[in-house]
Amino acid sequence: MHKLKPIVAATPEALAGALGLSSAEAREWRVQHALLTRLKEIVREQQFTHAEIARRSRTSRTRVTAILNDDLEHVSTDLLIRILASLGYQVKVSVVKTRTAA
């Protein structure tokens, strides 16, 4: 039997490359990860329950639990923003020019 060798990716871009995905998808992962990281900090600091977050953001507790356990599959950036807004937070967006265009 052939043994699989794990691939370690340090950045979303590297992971996207290893999976054959576009750099645009990697950038979206980076944004979602930043939103998720902040959401988890807020939940920890404010001690929100998953049920309370679900009620406020009008989504299911199961979905909230999955998100807070780093499962962002089938989760849109706008859902993360809606959850943060329902907890009383505003998301600010900044657009800056990069050195190289993708």
C-alpha atoms as a PDB file:
ATOM      1  CA  MET A   1       0.000   0.000   0.000  1.00  0.00           C
ATOM      2  CA  HIS A   2       1.234   3.475  -0.911  1.00  0.00           C
ATOM      3  CA  LYS A   3       1.786   5.794   2.058  1.00  0.00           C
ATOM      4  CA  LEU A   4       0.576   9.360   1.608  1.00  0.00           C
ATOM      5  CA  LYS A   5       2.918  12.184   2.505  1.00  0.00           C
ATOM      6  CA  PRO A   6       1.221  15.134   4.229  1.00  0.00           C
ATOM      7  CA  ILE A   7       1.581  18.580   2.719  1.00  0.00           C
ATOM      8  CA  VAL A   8       2.161  21.443   5.140  1.00  0.00           C
ATOM      9  CA  ALA A   9       1.088  24.890   3.978  1.00  0.00           C
ATOM     10  CA  ALA A  10       2.041  27.974   5.978  1.00  0.00           C
ATOM     11  CA  THR A  11      -0.295  30.403   4.225  1.00  0.00           C
ATOM     12  CA  PRO A  12      -3.710  30.288   2.568  1.00  0.00           C
ATOM     13  CA  GLU A  13      -1.966  30.971  -0.742  1.00  0.00           C
ATOM     14  CA  ALA A  14       0.322  27.977  -0.275  1.00  0.00           C
ATOM     15  CA  LEU A  15      -2.625  25.783   0.669  1.00  0.00           C
ATOM     16  CA  ALA A  16      -4.590  26.966  -2.363  1.00  0.00           C
ATOM     17  CA  GLY A  17      -1.595  26.189  -4.574  1.00  0.00           C
ATOM     18  CA  ALA A  18      -1.244  22.702  -3.091  1.00  0.00           C
ATOM     19  CA  LEU A  19      -4.947  22.079  -3.710  1.00  0.00           C
ATOM     20  CA  GLY A  20      -4.856  23.541  -7.205  1.00  0.00           C
ATOM     21  CA  LEU A  21      -7.106  26.452  -6.306  1.00  0.00           C
ATOM     22  CA  SER A  22      -6.840  30.062  -7.376  1.00  0.00           C
ATOM     23  CA  SER A  23      -5.088  32.847  -5.491  1.00  0.00           C
ATOM     24  CA  ALA A  24      -8.464  34.644  -5.345  1.00  0.00           C
ATOM     25  CA  GLU A  25      -9.858  31.753  -3.291  1.00  0.00           C
ATOM     26  CA  ALA A  26      -6.826  31.966  -1.016  1.00  0.00           C
ATOM     27  CA  ARG A  27      -7.458  35.656  -0.431  1.00  0.00           C
ATOM     28  CA  GLU A  28     -11.086  34.913   0.432  1.00  0.00           C
ATOM     29  CA  TRP A  29      -9.911  32.298   2.953  1.00  0.00           C
ATOM     30  CA  ARG A  30      -7.631  34.919   4.502  1.00  0.00           C
ATOM     31  CA  VAL A  31     -10.548  37.345   4.954  1.00  0.00           C
ATOM     32  CA  GLN A  32     -12.790  34.629   6.392  1.00  0.00           C
ATOM     33  CA  HIS A  33     -10.046  33.507   8.756  1.00  0.00           C
ATOM     34  CA  ALA A  34      -9.569  37.078  10.022  1.00  0.00           C
ATOM     35  CA  LEU A  35     -13.318  37.406  10.630  1.00  0.00           C
ATOM     36  CA  LEU A  36     -13.451  34.016  12.341  1.00  0.00           C
ATOM     37  CA  THR A  37     -10.474  34.804  14.558  1.00  0.00           C
ATOM     38  CA  ARG A  38     -12.092  38.032  15.744  1.00  0.00           C
ATOM     39  CA  LEU A  39     -15.465  36.321  16.223  1.00  0.00           C
ATOM     40  CA  LYS A  40     -13.876  33.659  18.427  1.00  0.00           C
ATOM     41  CA  GLU A  41     -12.161  36.364  20.515  1.00  0.00           C
ATOM     42  CA  ILE A  42     -15.475  38.181  20.998  1.00  0.00           C
ATOM     43  CA  VAL A  43     -17.300  34.981  21.960  1.00  0.00           C
ATOM     44  CA  ARG A  44     -14.584  34.153  24.494  1.00  0.00           C
ATOM     45  CA  GLU A  45     -14.443  37.691  25.942  1.00  0.00           C
ATOM     46  CA  GLN A  46     -18.219  38.232  26.098  1.00  0.00           C
ATOM     47  CA  GLN A  47     -19.020  34.601  26.980  1.00  0.00           C
ATOM     48  CA  PHE A  48     -21.788  34.308  24.397  1.00  0.00           C
ATOM     49  CA  THR A  49     -23.417  30.894  24.108  1.00  0.00           C
ATOM     50  CA  HIS A  50     -23.782  29.263  20.727  1.00  0.00           C
ATOM     51  CA  ALA A  51     -27.557  29.380  21.166  1.00  0.00           C
ATOM     52  CA  GLU A  52     -27.478  33.130  21.868  1.00  0.00           C
ATOM     53  CA  ILE A  53     -25.335  33.792  18.795  1.00  0.00           C
ATOM     54  CA  ALA A  54     -27.664  31.652  16.664  1.00  0.00           C
ATOM     55  CA  ARG A  55     -30.762  33.460  17.932  1.00  0.00           C
ATOM     56  CA  ARG A  56     -29.267  36.910  17.376  1.00  0.00           C
ATOM     57  CA  SER A  57     -27.907  36.145  13.902  1.00  0.00           C
ATOM     58  CA  ARG A  58     -30.930  34.091  12.800  1.00  0.00           C
ATOM     59  CA  THR A  59     -28.974  30.976  11.938  1.00  0.00           C
ATOM     60  CA  SER A  60     -28.883  27.524  13.520  1.00  0.00           C
ATOM     61  CA  ARG A  61     -26.946  26.673  16.662  1.00  0.00           C
ATOM     62  CA  THR A  62     -25.441  23.723  14.780  1.00  0.00           C
ATOM     63  CA  ARG A  63     -24.074  26.101  12.156  1.00  0.00           C
ATOM     64  CA  VAL A  64     -22.683  28.469  14.799  1.00  0.00           C
ATOM     65  CA  THR A  65     -20.976  25.554  16.544  1.00  0.00           C
ATOM     66  CA  ALA A  66     -19.440  24.373  13.263  1.00  0.00           C
ATOM     67  CA  ILE A  67     -18.168  27.881  12.473  1.00  0.00           C
ATOM     68  CA  LEU A  68     -16.646  28.308  15.929  1.00  0.00           C
ATOM     69  CA  ASN A  69     -14.951  24.917  15.452  1.00  0.00           C
ATOM     70  CA  ASP A  70     -13.205  26.283  12.318  1.00  0.00           C
ATOM     71  CA  ASP A  71     -15.533  24.621   9.798  1.00  0.00           C
ATOM     72  CA  LEU A  72     -15.961  27.337   7.176  1.00  0.00           C
ATOM     73  CA  GLU A  73     -17.050  25.003   4.397  1.00  0.00           C
ATOM     74  CA  HIS A  74     -20.203  26.441   2.807  1.00  0.00           C
ATOM     75  CA  VAL A  75     -19.931  29.570   5.000  1.00  0.00           C
ATOM     76  CA  SER A  76     -20.001  32.892   3.212  1.00  0.00           C
ATOM     77  CA  THR A  77     -18.139  35.980   4.282  1.00  0.00           C
ATOM     78  CA  ASP A  78     -21.454  37.817   4.564  1.00  0.00           C
ATOM     79  CA  LEU A  79     -22.698  35.272   7.135  1.00  0.00           C
ATOM     80  CA  LEU A  80     -19.628  35.914   9.279  1.00  0.00           C
ATOM     81  CA  ILE A  81     -20.246  39.666   8.972  1.00  0.00           C
ATOM     82  CA  ARG A  82     -23.934  39.175   9.861  1.00  0.00           C
ATOM     83  CA  ILE A  83     -22.994  37.192  12.970  1.00  0.00           C
ATOM     84  CA  LEU A  84     -20.511  39.846  14.073  1.00  0.00           C
ATOM     85  CA  ALA A  85     -23.089  42.598  13.453  1.00  0.00           C
ATOM     86  CA  SER A  86     -25.713  40.712  15.462  1.00  0.00           C
ATOM     87  CA  LEU A  87     -23.289  40.759  18.407  1.00  0.00           C
ATOM     88  CA  GLY A  88     -22.895  44.527  18.123  1.00  0.00           C
ATOM     89  CA  TYR A  89     -19.716  44.747  16.048  1.00  0.00           C
ATOM     90  CA  GLN A  90     -19.039  46.543  12.777  1.00  0.00           C
ATOM     91  CA  VAL A  91     -16.704  45.168  10.133  1.00  0.00           C
ATOM     92  CA  LYS A  92     -14.525  47.744   8.406  1.00  0.00           C
ATOM     93  CA  VAL A  93     -13.063  46.969   5.001  1.00  0.00           C
ATOM     94  CA  SER A  94      -9.776  48.295   3.714  1.00  0.00           C
ATOM     95  CA  VAL A  95      -8.651  48.020   0.111  1.00  0.00           C
ATOM     96  CA  VAL A  96      -4.962  48.560  -0.666  1.00  0.00           C
ATOM     97  CA  LYS A  97      -2.929  48.055  -3.806  1.00  0.00           C
ATOM     98  CA  THR A  98      -0.547  45.108  -3.749  1.00  0.00           C
ATOM     99  CA  ARG A  99       2.844  45.010  -5.381  1.00  0.00           C
ATOM    100  CA  THR A 100       1.792  42.356  -7.849  1.00  0.00           C
ATOM    101  CA  ALA A 101      -1.602  41.796  -9.396  1.00  0.00           C
ATOM    102  CA  ALA A 102      -2.946  38.257  -9.530  1.00  0.00           C
END
